[in-house]
């Protein structure tokens, strides 16, 4: 009998209180993701403790997934949010890019900001805004087509791994995995910290990781189909096929896989999902997903408990349908 699909939310301002977390557990949540791109385990100790109290009140042994910084690149701190208008030109120095990014901006190079929400292009020494939006501090930046020599882990990542066991972390999510060496580095850090029991999840969110999938699958405990940045790395209409190929490879190898990103995105601001979102969740389960996860929907959305309710009920309906076949 196939193990049931696990349900994960993401911790954030919208669900940091005990009452909301209790509602989320009551609706079927198994665990939660803590994004460490903006904080550390030590700084998040209060919300983690509240999370554990809520789980205990519901009789749940919770999972805690930490999503590390890894080789993802982010802009620095802005004095105030920067409004980028389509068609305008801005100076490269107006955005605090990391040095490794700034040094590689060449004529015609595209730049994706904030998980692809904004798109810029170098043109004659300035940046042309092709897709605008409001840019805030510490948002992600990616250079499509370029693989930058960034270490697999930051020093903050190593510190969080050293603290992982004391915070009850059950799994580490390694972003932007590029090779088996990236995973070996994280595994070695876990072993050194005395945490060989903590699971290692490899996030596939660039073309390098996608091409090397076969070599990555044996080196982790679970593959994460991270459709946000993976969707930035290719035309969006190619993303569903990539998801299907990853799922098939994991099934063939007997490896667990998770599906994430925009599963219930409309519920960030609406109390009910779209039909397409419900179908997306249902099909992910039929494809064999061992777990599904929402991110901003619970971290900053208006209806975190309702998100978990729709996610759980759709997953269970898909499991029942699969069993009837």
C-alpha atoms as a PDB file:
ATOM      1  CA  UNK A   1       0.000   0.000   0.000  1.00  0.00           C
ATOM      2  CA  UNK A   2       1.412   3.378  -1.014  1.00  0.00           C
ATOM      3  CA  UNK A   3       2.303   5.748   1.827  1.00  0.00           C
ATOM      4  CA  UNK A   4       0.040   8.781   2.059  1.00  0.00           C
ATOM      5  CA  UNK A   5       1.203  12.061   0.596  1.00  0.00           C
ATOM      6  CA  UNK A   6       2.598  14.471   3.188  1.00  0.00           C
ATOM      7  CA  UNK A   7       1.265  18.034   3.463  1.00  0.00           C
ATOM      8  CA  UNK A   8       3.611  20.966   4.102  1.00  0.00           C
ATOM      9  CA  UNK A   9       3.073  24.683   4.632  1.00  0.00           C
ATOM     10  CA  UNK A  10       5.601  27.489   5.024  1.00  0.00           C
ATOM     11  CA  UNK A  11       6.152  29.532   8.173  1.00  0.00           C
ATOM     12  CA  UNK A  12       5.768  33.284   7.914  1.00  0.00           C
ATOM     13  CA  UNK A  13       4.028  36.363   9.294  1.00  0.00           C
ATOM     14  CA  UNK A  14       0.568  35.058   8.361  1.00  0.00           C
ATOM     15  CA  UNK A  15       0.880  31.893  10.460  1.00  0.00           C
ATOM     16  CA  UNK A  16       3.262  32.690  13.270  1.00  0.00           C
ATOM     17  CA  UNK A  17       0.615  32.616  16.033  1.00  0.00           C
ATOM     18  CA  UNK A  18      -0.339  29.465  17.927  1.00  0.00           C
ATOM     19  CA  UNK A  19      -4.033  29.586  17.040  1.00  0.00           C
ATOM     20  CA  UNK A  20      -3.461  29.717  13.295  1.00  0.00           C
ATOM     21  CA  UNK A  21      -0.897  26.928  13.435  1.00  0.00           C
ATOM     22  CA  UNK A  22      -3.306  24.762  15.449  1.00  0.00           C
ATOM     23  CA  UNK A  23      -5.937  25.293  12.739  1.00  0.00           C
ATOM     24  CA  UNK A  24      -3.399  24.308  10.072  1.00  0.00           C
ATOM     25  CA  UNK A  25      -2.485  21.113  11.897  1.00  0.00           C
ATOM     26  CA  UNK A  26      -6.171  20.370  12.444  1.00  0.00           C
ATOM     27  CA  UNK A  27      -6.712  20.643   8.680  1.00  0.00           C
ATOM     28  CA  UNK A  28      -4.084  17.981   8.001  1.00  0.00           C
ATOM     29  CA  UNK A  29      -0.680  19.659   7.878  1.00  0.00           C
ATOM     30  CA  UNK A  30       2.224  17.284   8.588  1.00  0.00           C
ATOM     31  CA  UNK A  31       5.047  19.795   8.717  1.00  0.00           C
ATOM     32  CA  UNK A  32       6.307  23.168   7.729  1.00  0.00           C
ATOM     33  CA  UNK A  33       9.123  24.832   5.825  1.00  0.00           C
ATOM     34  CA  UNK A  34      11.245  27.593   7.296  1.00  0.00           C
ATOM     35  CA  UNK A  35      12.932  29.729   4.637  1.00  0.00           C
ATOM     36  CA  UNK A  36      16.393  30.672   5.910  1.00  0.00           C
ATOM     37  CA  UNK A  37      17.165  33.135   3.113  1.00  0.00           C
ATOM     38  CA  UNK A  38      16.042  35.995   5.369  1.00  0.00           C
ATOM     39  CA  UNK A  39      16.675  34.655   8.867  1.00  0.00           C
ATOM     40  CA  UNK A  40      18.523  31.962  10.827  1.00  0.00           C
ATOM     41  CA  UNK A  41      17.414  29.232  13.182  1.00  0.00           C
ATOM     42  CA  UNK A  42      18.637  31.146  16.201  1.00  0.00           C
ATOM     43  CA  UNK A  43      16.680  34.254  15.192  1.00  0.00           C
ATOM     44  CA  UNK A  44      13.588  32.142  14.454  1.00  0.00           C
ATOM     45  CA  UNK A  45      13.656  30.293  17.783  1.00  0.00           C
ATOM     46  CA  UNK A  46      10.465  31.953  19.015  1.00  0.00           C
ATOM     47  CA  UNK A  47       8.298  31.050  16.022  1.00  0.00           C
ATOM     48  CA  UNK A  48       9.762  27.532  15.941  1.00  0.00           C
ATOM     49  CA  UNK A  49       8.825  27.045  19.597  1.00  0.00           C
ATOM     50  CA  UNK A  50       5.288  28.303  18.913  1.00  0.00           C
ATOM     51  CA  UNK A  51       5.078  25.858  16.011  1.00  0.00           C
ATOM     52  CA  UNK A  52       6.056  22.966  18.280  1.00  0.00           C
ATOM     53  CA  UNK A  53       3.545  23.998  20.920  1.00  0.00           C
ATOM     54  CA  UNK A  54       0.780  24.040  18.322  1.00  0.00           C
ATOM     55  CA  UNK A  55       1.770  20.596  17.049  1.00  0.00           C
ATOM     56  CA  UNK A  56       1.810  19.204  20.587  1.00  0.00           C
ATOM     57  CA  UNK A  57      -1.669  20.623  21.218  1.00  0.00           C
ATOM     58  CA  UNK A  58      -2.889  18.701  18.157  1.00  0.00           C
ATOM     59  CA  UNK A  59      -1.102  15.482  19.035  1.00  0.00           C
ATOM     60  CA  UNK A  60       1.153  15.774  15.974  1.00  0.00           C
ATOM     61  CA  UNK A  61       4.846  14.962  15.762  1.00  0.00           C
ATOM     62  CA  UNK A  62       5.773  17.745  13.350  1.00  0.00           C
ATOM     63  CA  UNK A  63       8.319  17.862  10.594  1.00  0.00           C
ATOM     64  CA  UNK A  64      10.491  20.957  10.272  1.00  0.00           C
ATOM     65  CA  UNK A  65      12.149  21.560   6.910  1.00  0.00           C
ATOM     66  CA  UNK A  66      14.801  24.245   6.648  1.00  0.00           C
ATOM     67  CA  UNK A  67      15.304  25.755   3.202  1.00  0.00           C
ATOM     68  CA  UNK A  68      18.890  26.940   3.094  1.00  0.00           C
ATOM     69  CA  UNK A  69      20.419  29.920   1.292  1.00  0.00           C
ATOM     70  CA  UNK A  70      22.691  27.769  -0.853  1.00  0.00           C
ATOM     71  CA  UNK A  71      24.024  29.222  -4.099  1.00  0.00           C
ATOM     72  CA  UNK A  72      20.992  31.444  -4.671  1.00  0.00           C
ATOM     73  CA  UNK A  73      21.941  35.070  -5.310  1.00  0.00           C
ATOM     74  CA  UNK A  74      20.070  38.052  -3.871  1.00  0.00           C
ATOM     75  CA  UNK A  75      20.333  41.790  -4.195  1.00  0.00           C
ATOM     76  CA  UNK A  76      21.424  43.834  -1.191  1.00  0.00           C
ATOM     77  CA  UNK A  77      19.488  46.363   0.861  1.00  0.00           C
ATOM     78  CA  UNK A  78      17.593  49.176  -0.824  1.00  0.00           C
ATOM     79  CA  UNK A  79      16.915  52.455   1.002  1.00  0.00           C
ATOM     80  CA  UNK A  80      13.301  52.031  -0.158  1.00  0.00           C
ATOM     81  CA  UNK A  81      11.444  49.740  -2.588  1.00  0.00           C
ATOM     82  CA  UNK A  82      12.278  50.503  -6.202  1.00  0.00           C
ATOM     83  CA  UNK A  83       9.388  50.733  -8.677  1.00  0.00           C
ATOM     84  CA  UNK A  84      10.483  49.450 -12.083  1.00  0.00           C
ATOM     85  CA  UNK A  85       8.336  50.521 -15.025  1.00  0.00           C
ATOM     86  CA  UNK A  86       8.243  48.598 -18.276  1.00  0.00           C
ATOM     87  CA  UNK A  87      10.252  50.373 -20.964  1.00  0.00           C
ATOM     88  CA  UNK A  88      12.300  52.573 -18.640  1.00  0.00           C
ATOM     89  CA  UNK A  89      16.083  52.437 -18.334  1.00  0.00           C
ATOM     90  CA  UNK A  90      17.945  52.424 -15.054  1.00  0.00           C
ATOM     91  CA  UNK A  91      21.621  52.550 -14.148  1.00  0.00           C
ATOM     92  CA  UNK A  92      23.186  49.244 -13.127  1.00  0.00           C
ATOM     93  CA  UNK A  93      24.380  50.903  -9.930  1.00  0.00           C
ATOM     94  CA  UNK A  94      20.806  51.701  -8.872  1.00  0.00           C
ATOM     95  CA  UNK A  95      20.354  48.083  -7.787  1.00  0.00           C
ATOM     96  CA  UNK A  96      22.775  46.614  -5.196  1.00  0.00           C
ATOM     97  CA  UNK A  97      23.722  43.481  -7.125  1.00  0.00           C
ATOM     98  CA  UNK A  98      26.252  41.048  -5.621  1.00  0.00           C
ATOM     99  CA  UNK A  99      29.712  41.649  -7.053  1.00  0.00           C
ATOM    100  CA  UNK A 100      29.725  38.283  -8.821  1.00  0.00           C
ATOM    101  CA  UNK A 101      26.552  39.324 -10.687  1.00  0.00           C
ATOM    102  CA  UNK A 102      27.664  42.877 -11.443  1.00  0.00           C
ATOM    103  CA  UNK A 103      30.934  41.630 -12.929  1.00  0.00           C
ATOM    104  CA  UNK A 104      29.104  39.355 -15.363  1.00  0.00           C
ATOM    105  CA  UNK A 105      26.514  41.744 -16.722  1.00  0.00           C
ATOM    106  CA  UNK A 106      27.361  41.979 -20.420  1.00  0.00           C
ATOM    107  CA  UNK A 107      25.560  43.481 -23.392  1.00  0.00           C
ATOM    108  CA  UNK A 108      22.284  41.650 -23.977  1.00  0.00           C
ATOM    109  CA  UNK A 109      22.355  39.726 -20.667  1.00  0.00           C
ATOM    110  CA  UNK A 110      18.937  39.248 -19.089  1.00  0.00           C
ATOM    111  CA  UNK A 111      18.370  39.459 -15.339  1.00  0.00           C
ATOM    112  CA  UNK A 112      15.425  37.940 -13.486  1.00  0.00           C
ATOM    113  CA  UNK A 113      14.470  39.552 -10.185  1.00  0.00           C
ATOM    114  CA  UNK A 114      12.257  38.347  -7.333  1.00  0.00           C
ATOM    115  CA  UNK A 115      11.715  34.803  -8.622  1.00  0.00           C
ATOM    116  CA  UNK A 116      11.226  36.061 -12.163  1.00  0.00           C
ATOM    117  CA  UNK A 117       8.516  38.613 -11.387  1.00  0.00           C
ATOM    118  CA  UNK A 118      10.690  41.302 -13.018  1.00  0.00           C
ATOM    119  CA  UNK A 119      12.864  41.011 -16.121  1.00  0.00           C
ATOM    120  CA  UNK A 120      15.672  43.387 -17.077  1.00  0.00           C
ATOM    121  CA  UNK A 121      18.108  43.361 -19.983  1.00  0.00           C
ATOM    122  CA  UNK A 122      21.503  45.035 -20.325  1.00  0.00           C
ATOM    123  CA  UNK A 123      21.372  47.366 -23.281  1.00  0.00           C
ATOM    124  CA  UNK A 124      24.107  49.854 -24.075  1.00  0.00           C
ATOM    125  CA  UNK A 125      25.395  50.211 -20.538  1.00  0.00           C
ATOM    126  CA  UNK A 126      22.009  50.531 -18.852  1.00  0.00           C
ATOM    127  CA  UNK A 127      19.301  48.113 -17.788  1.00  0.00           C
ATOM    128  CA  UNK A 128      16.112  48.107 -19.854  1.00  0.00           C
ATOM    129  CA  UNK A 129      13.009  47.035 -17.915  1.00  0.00           C
ATOM    130  CA  UNK A 130      11.178  44.404 -19.960  1.00  0.00           C
ATOM    131  CA  UNK A 131       8.811  43.360 -17.164  1.00  0.00           C
ATOM    132  CA  UNK A 132       8.326  45.741 -14.292  1.00  0.00           C
ATOM    133  CA  UNK A 133       7.230  45.564 -10.694  1.00  0.00           C
ATOM    134  CA  UNK A 134       8.096  46.685  -7.177  1.00  0.00           C
ATOM    135  CA  UNK A 135      11.583  45.529  -6.195  1.00  0.00           C
ATOM    136  CA  UNK A 136      12.311  45.161  -2.481  1.00  0.00           C
ATOM    137  CA  UNK A 137      15.519  44.418  -0.593  1.00  0.00           C
ATOM    138  CA  UNK A 138      17.043  40.929  -0.528  1.00  0.00           C
ATOM    139  CA  UNK A 139      15.038  39.628  -3.497  1.00  0.00           C
ATOM    140  CA  UNK A 140      16.528  36.945  -5.724  1.00  0.00           C
ATOM    141  CA  UNK A 141      18.486  37.675  -8.884  1.00  0.00           C
ATOM    142  CA  UNK A 142      19.302  35.191 -11.631  1.00  0.00           C
ATOM    143  CA  UNK A 143      21.190  35.464 -14.909  1.00  0.00           C
ATOM    144  CA  UNK A 144      19.580  33.043 -17.390  1.00  0.00           C
ATOM    145  CA  UNK A 145      22.120  31.032 -19.343  1.00  0.00           C
ATOM    146  CA  UNK A 146      24.976  31.606 -16.887  1.00  0.00           C
ATOM    147  CA  UNK A 147      26.252  29.247 -14.194  1.00  0.00           C
ATOM    148  CA  UNK A 148      28.085  31.287 -11.578  1.00  0.00           C
ATOM    149  CA  UNK A 149      30.838  29.789  -9.375  1.00  0.00           C
ATOM    150  CA  UNK A 150      29.038  30.132  -6.047  1.00  0.00           C
ATOM    151  CA  UNK A 151      29.703  27.716  -3.128  1.00  0.00           C
ATOM    152  CA  UNK A 152      26.979  25.196  -2.313  1.00  0.00           C
ATOM    153  CA  UNK A 153      26.643  26.555   1.233  1.00  0.00           C
ATOM    154  CA  UNK A 154      27.096  29.894   2.916  1.00  0.00           C
ATOM    155  CA  UNK A 155      28.602  30.231   6.375  1.00  0.00           C
ATOM    156  CA  UNK A 156      25.083  30.945   7.624  1.00  0.00           C
ATOM    157  CA  UNK A 157      23.985  27.597   6.143  1.00  0.00           C
ATOM    158  CA  UNK A 158      26.756  25.816   8.040  1.00  0.00           C
ATOM    159  CA  UNK A 159      25.763  27.509  11.278  1.00  0.00           C
ATOM    160  CA  UNK A 160      22.126  26.506  10.781  1.00  0.00           C
ATOM    161  CA  UNK A 161      23.153  22.900  10.174  1.00  0.00           C
ATOM    162  CA  UNK A 162      25.155  22.945  13.404  1.00  0.00           C
ATOM    163  CA  UNK A 163      21.987  24.066  15.217  1.00  0.00           C
ATOM    164  CA  UNK A 164      19.592  21.796  13.312  1.00  0.00           C
ATOM    165  CA  UNK A 165      19.341  18.926  15.786  1.00  0.00           C
ATOM    166  CA  UNK A 166      18.692  21.195  18.773  1.00  0.00           C
ATOM    167  CA  UNK A 167      15.785  22.825  16.889  1.00  0.00           C
ATOM    168  CA  UNK A 168      14.200  19.536  15.873  1.00  0.00           C
ATOM    169  CA  UNK A 169      14.919  19.912  12.161  1.00  0.00           C
ATOM    170  CA  UNK A 170      13.871  16.789  10.257  1.00  0.00           C
ATOM    171  CA  UNK A 171      15.045  17.725   6.754  1.00  0.00           C
ATOM    172  CA  UNK A 172      17.347  20.145   4.946  1.00  0.00           C
ATOM    173  CA  UNK A 173      16.327  21.526   1.553  1.00  0.00           C
ATOM    174  CA  UNK A 174      19.338  22.342  -0.618  1.00  0.00           C
ATOM    175  CA  UNK A 175      18.438  24.936  -3.291  1.00  0.00           C
ATOM    176  CA  UNK A 176      19.757  25.201  -6.843  1.00  0.00           C
ATOM    177  CA  UNK A 177      21.531  21.846  -6.750  1.00  0.00           C
ATOM    178  CA  UNK A 178      24.055  21.666  -9.592  1.00  0.00           C
ATOM    179  CA  UNK A 179      25.957  18.441  -8.968  1.00  0.00           C
ATOM    180  CA  UNK A 180      26.414  15.484  -6.658  1.00  0.00           C
ATOM    181  CA  UNK A 181      29.267  17.461  -5.089  1.00  0.00           C
ATOM    182  CA  UNK A 182      26.767  20.058  -3.830  1.00  0.00           C
ATOM    183  CA  UNK A 183      24.814  17.322  -2.067  1.00  0.00           C
ATOM    184  CA  UNK A 184      27.959  15.638  -0.764  1.00  0.00           C
ATOM    185  CA  UNK A 185      29.007  18.926   0.848  1.00  0.00           C
ATOM    186  CA  UNK A 186      25.682  19.241   2.671  1.00  0.00           C
ATOM    187  CA  UNK A 187      25.709  15.587   3.693  1.00  0.00           C
ATOM    188  CA  UNK A 188      29.233  15.984   5.094  1.00  0.00           C
ATOM    189  CA  UNK A 189      28.142  19.049   7.083  1.00  0.00           C
ATOM    190  CA  UNK A 190      25.203  17.085   8.507  1.00  0.00           C
ATOM    191  CA  UNK A 191      27.471  14.199   9.488  1.00  0.00           C
ATOM    192  CA  UNK A 192      29.965  16.579  11.087  1.00  0.00           C
ATOM    193  CA  UNK A 193      27.136  18.135  13.105  1.00  0.00           C
ATOM    194  CA  UNK A 194      26.075  14.680  14.321  1.00  0.00           C
ATOM    195  CA  UNK A 195      22.880  14.743  12.251  1.00  0.00           C
ATOM    196  CA  UNK A 196      23.079  11.795   9.829  1.00  0.00           C
ATOM    197  CA  UNK A 197      19.380  11.135  10.531  1.00  0.00           C
ATOM    198  CA  UNK A 198      18.277  14.465   9.047  1.00  0.00           C
ATOM    199  CA  UNK A 199      16.927  13.971   5.534  1.00  0.00           C
ATOM    200  CA  UNK A 200      18.457  15.775   2.558  1.00  0.00           C
ATOM    201  CA  UNK A 201      16.118  17.181  -0.094  1.00  0.00           C
ATOM    202  CA  UNK A 202      17.557  18.287  -3.448  1.00  0.00           C
ATOM    203  CA  UNK A 203      15.710  21.178  -5.089  1.00  0.00           C
ATOM    204  CA  UNK A 204      15.715  21.008  -8.875  1.00  0.00           C
ATOM    205  CA  UNK A 205      15.363  24.623  -9.963  1.00  0.00           C
ATOM    206  CA  UNK A 206      17.859  25.191 -12.756  1.00  0.00           C
ATOM    207  CA  UNK A 207      18.783  23.539 -16.022  1.00  0.00           C
ATOM    208  CA  UNK A 208      22.049  22.196 -14.638  1.00  0.00           C
ATOM    209  CA  UNK A 209      20.231  20.258 -11.944  1.00  0.00           C
ATOM    210  CA  UNK A 210      17.654  19.056 -14.455  1.00  0.00           C
ATOM    211  CA  UNK A 211      20.337  17.735 -16.811  1.00  0.00           C
ATOM    212  CA  UNK A 212      22.153  15.959 -13.969  1.00  0.00           C
ATOM    213  CA  UNK A 213      19.028  14.516 -12.371  1.00  0.00           C
ATOM    214  CA  UNK A 214      20.135  10.893 -12.760  1.00  0.00           C
ATOM    215  CA  UNK A 215      23.317  11.527 -10.782  1.00  0.00           C
ATOM    216  CA  UNK A 216      21.496  13.544  -8.104  1.00  0.00           C
ATOM    217  CA  UNK A 217      18.719  11.061  -7.323  1.00  0.00           C
ATOM    218  CA  UNK A 218      20.962   8.535  -5.499  1.00  0.00           C
ATOM    219  CA  UNK A 219      22.606  11.307  -3.448  1.00  0.00           C
ATOM    220  CA  UNK A 220      19.523  12.607  -1.633  1.00  0.00           C
ATOM    221  CA  UNK A 221      16.472  11.368   0.255  1.00  0.00           C
ATOM    222  CA  UNK A 222      13.936  13.279  -1.812  1.00  0.00           C
ATOM    223  CA  UNK A 223      13.844  15.357  -4.991  1.00  0.00           C
ATOM    224  CA  UNK A 224      11.976  18.669  -4.897  1.00  0.00           C
ATOM    225  CA  UNK A 225      10.404  19.837  -8.154  1.00  0.00           C
ATOM    226  CA  UNK A 226      10.800  23.553  -7.407  1.00  0.00           C
ATOM    227  CA  UNK A 227       8.713  25.031 -10.183  1.00  0.00           C
ATOM    228  CA  UNK A 228       9.344  28.694  -9.350  1.00  0.00           C
ATOM    229  CA  UNK A 229      12.936  29.109 -10.430  1.00  0.00           C
ATOM    230  CA  UNK A 230      12.776  26.073 -12.709  1.00  0.00           C
ATOM    231  CA  UNK A 231      10.042  27.920 -14.565  1.00  0.00           C
ATOM    232  CA  UNK A 232      12.374  30.914 -14.888  1.00  0.00           C
ATOM    233  CA  UNK A 233      15.050  28.725 -16.460  1.00  0.00           C
ATOM    234  CA  UNK A 234      12.883  27.688 -19.418  1.00  0.00           C
ATOM    235  CA  UNK A 235       9.825  28.851 -21.335  1.00  0.00           C
ATOM    236  CA  UNK A 236       6.855  28.245 -19.048  1.00  0.00           C
ATOM    237  CA  UNK A 237       5.128  26.003 -21.569  1.00  0.00           C
ATOM    238  CA  UNK A 238       8.067  23.586 -21.251  1.00  0.00           C
ATOM    239  CA  UNK A 239       7.761  23.346 -17.454  1.00  0.00           C
ATOM    240  CA  UNK A 240       4.959  20.730 -17.310  1.00  0.00           C
ATOM    241  CA  UNK A 241       7.009  18.303 -19.415  1.00  0.00           C
ATOM    242  CA  UNK A 242      10.039  18.878 -17.179  1.00  0.00           C
ATOM    243  CA  UNK A 243       7.907  18.137 -14.125  1.00  0.00           C
ATOM    244  CA  UNK A 244       6.624  14.937 -15.721  1.00  0.00           C
ATOM    245  CA  UNK A 245      10.164  13.821 -16.630  1.00  0.00           C
ATOM    246  CA  UNK A 246      11.441  14.411 -13.096  1.00  0.00           C
ATOM    247  CA  UNK A 247       8.482  12.547 -11.604  1.00  0.00           C
ATOM    248  CA  UNK A 248       9.004   9.590 -13.959  1.00  0.00           C
ATOM    249  CA  UNK A 249      12.733   9.441 -13.166  1.00  0.00           C
ATOM    250  CA  UNK A 250      12.022   9.443  -9.424  1.00  0.00           C
ATOM    251  CA  UNK A 251       9.376   6.728  -9.755  1.00  0.00           C
ATOM    252  CA  UNK A 252      11.763   4.619 -11.808  1.00  0.00           C
ATOM    253  CA  UNK A 253      14.483   4.971  -9.175  1.00  0.00           C
ATOM    254  CA  UNK A 254      12.154   4.490  -6.221  1.00  0.00           C
ATOM    255  CA  UNK A 255      12.984   7.957  -4.940  1.00  0.00           C
ATOM    256  CA  UNK A 256      10.487  10.201  -3.152  1.00  0.00           C
ATOM    257  CA  UNK A 257       9.683  13.550  -4.745  1.00  0.00           C
ATOM    258  CA  UNK A 258       7.908  16.716  -3.678  1.00  0.00           C
ATOM    259  CA  UNK A 259       5.999  19.190  -5.850  1.00  0.00           C
ATOM    260  CA  UNK A 260       6.045  22.872  -4.831  1.00  0.00           C
ATOM    261  CA  UNK A 261       5.307  26.414  -6.034  1.00  0.00           C
ATOM    262  CA  UNK A 262       1.998  28.142  -6.765  1.00  0.00           C
ATOM    263  CA  UNK A 263      -0.086  25.078  -5.981  1.00  0.00           C
ATOM    264  CA  UNK A 264      -2.736  27.366  -4.467  1.00  0.00           C
ATOM    265  CA  UNK A 265      -1.306  30.744  -5.397  1.00  0.00           C
ATOM    266  CA  UNK A 266      -4.691  32.395  -5.937  1.00  0.00           C
ATOM    267  CA  UNK A 267      -5.523  31.680  -2.283  1.00  0.00           C
ATOM    268  CA  UNK A 268      -2.891  34.169  -1.183  1.00  0.00           C
ATOM    269  CA  UNK A 269      -5.702  36.712  -1.530  1.00  0.00           C
ATOM    270  CA  UNK A 270      -8.833  34.596  -2.177  1.00  0.00           C
ATOM    271  CA  UNK A 271     -10.695  32.155   0.117  1.00  0.00           C
ATOM    272  CA  UNK A 272     -11.109  29.498  -2.585  1.00  0.00           C
ATOM    273  CA  UNK A 273      -8.704  28.164  -5.234  1.00  0.00           C
ATOM    274  CA  UNK A 274      -9.086  27.989  -8.985  1.00  0.00           C
ATOM    275  CA  UNK A 275     -10.162  24.769 -10.658  1.00  0.00           C
ATOM    276  CA  UNK A 276      -6.783  24.626 -12.375  1.00  0.00           C
ATOM    277  CA  UNK A 277      -4.950  24.705  -9.024  1.00  0.00           C
ATOM    278  CA  UNK A 278      -7.042  21.865  -7.618  1.00  0.00           C
ATOM    279  CA  UNK A 279      -6.384  19.823 -10.773  1.00  0.00           C
ATOM    280  CA  UNK A 280      -2.659  20.558 -10.450  1.00  0.00           C
ATOM    281  CA  UNK A 281      -2.564  19.139  -6.923  1.00  0.00           C
ATOM    282  CA  UNK A 282      -4.671  16.125  -7.902  1.00  0.00           C
ATOM    283  CA  UNK A 283      -2.378  15.292 -10.835  1.00  0.00           C
ATOM    284  CA  UNK A 284       0.779  15.692  -8.756  1.00  0.00           C
ATOM    285  CA  UNK A 285      -0.521  12.993  -6.418  1.00  0.00           C
ATOM    286  CA  UNK A 286      -1.463  10.734  -9.338  1.00  0.00           C
ATOM    287  CA  UNK A 287       2.081  11.200 -10.664  1.00  0.00           C
ATOM    288  CA  UNK A 288       3.348   9.763  -7.378  1.00  0.00           C
ATOM    289  CA  UNK A 289       4.364  12.811  -5.333  1.00  0.00           C
ATOM    290  CA  UNK A 290       5.368  11.765  -1.821  1.00  0.00           C
ATOM    291  CA  UNK A 291       4.699  15.293  -0.574  1.00  0.00           C
ATOM    292  CA  UNK A 292       3.277  18.622  -1.693  1.00  0.00           C
ATOM    293  CA  UNK A 293       4.050  22.033  -0.260  1.00  0.00           C
ATOM    294  CA  UNK A 294       2.714  25.572  -0.361  1.00  0.00           C
ATOM    295  CA  UNK A 295       4.928  28.605   0.236  1.00  0.00           C
ATOM    296  CA  UNK A 296       3.649  32.183   0.174  1.00  0.00           C
ATOM    297  CA  UNK A 297       0.065  30.944   0.431  1.00  0.00           C
ATOM    298  CA  UNK A 298       0.571  30.227   4.148  1.00  0.00           C
ATOM    299  CA  UNK A 299       3.596  32.433   4.859  1.00  0.00           C
ATOM    300  CA  UNK A 300       2.024  35.735   3.829  1.00  0.00           C
ATOM    301  CA  UNK A 301      -1.447  34.832   2.552  1.00  0.00           C
ATOM    302  CA  UNK A 302      -4.780  35.847   4.024  1.00  0.00           C
ATOM    303  CA  UNK A 303      -6.190  32.312   4.466  1.00  0.00           C
ATOM    304  CA  UNK A 304      -3.413  29.969   5.685  1.00  0.00           C
ATOM    305  CA  UNK A 305      -5.706  27.423   7.374  1.00  0.00           C
ATOM    306  CA  UNK A 306      -8.084  27.323   4.404  1.00  0.00           C
ATOM    307  CA  UNK A 307      -5.096  26.737   2.111  1.00  0.00           C
ATOM    308  CA  UNK A 308      -4.150  23.636   4.103  1.00  0.00           C
ATOM    309  CA  UNK A 309      -7.778  22.475   4.085  1.00  0.00           C
ATOM    310  CA  UNK A 310      -8.055  22.631   0.294  1.00  0.00           C
ATOM    311  CA  UNK A 311      -4.600  21.117  -0.134  1.00  0.00           C
ATOM    312  CA  UNK A 312      -5.294  18.205   2.214  1.00  0.00           C
ATOM    313  CA  UNK A 313      -8.770  17.422   0.909  1.00  0.00           C
ATOM    314  CA  UNK A 314      -7.619  17.490  -2.705  1.00  0.00           C
ATOM    315  CA  UNK A 315      -4.667  15.221  -1.911  1.00  0.00           C
ATOM    316  CA  UNK A 316      -6.867  12.726  -0.056  1.00  0.00           C
ATOM    317  CA  UNK A 317      -9.411  12.714  -2.897  1.00  0.00           C
ATOM    318  CA  UNK A 318      -6.598  11.995  -5.353  1.00  0.00           C
ATOM    319  CA  UNK A 319      -5.324   9.153  -3.148  1.00  0.00           C
ATOM    320  CA  UNK A 320      -8.807   7.638  -2.978  1.00  0.00           C
ATOM    321  CA  UNK A 321      -9.167   7.900  -6.748  1.00  0.00           C
ATOM    322  CA  UNK A 322      -5.764   6.272  -7.266  1.00  0.00           C
ATOM    323  CA  UNK A 323      -6.713   3.394  -4.972  1.00  0.00           C
ATOM    324  CA  UNK A 324      -9.897   2.806  -6.953  1.00  0.00           C
ATOM    325  CA  UNK A 325      -8.091   2.310 -10.249  1.00  0.00           C
END
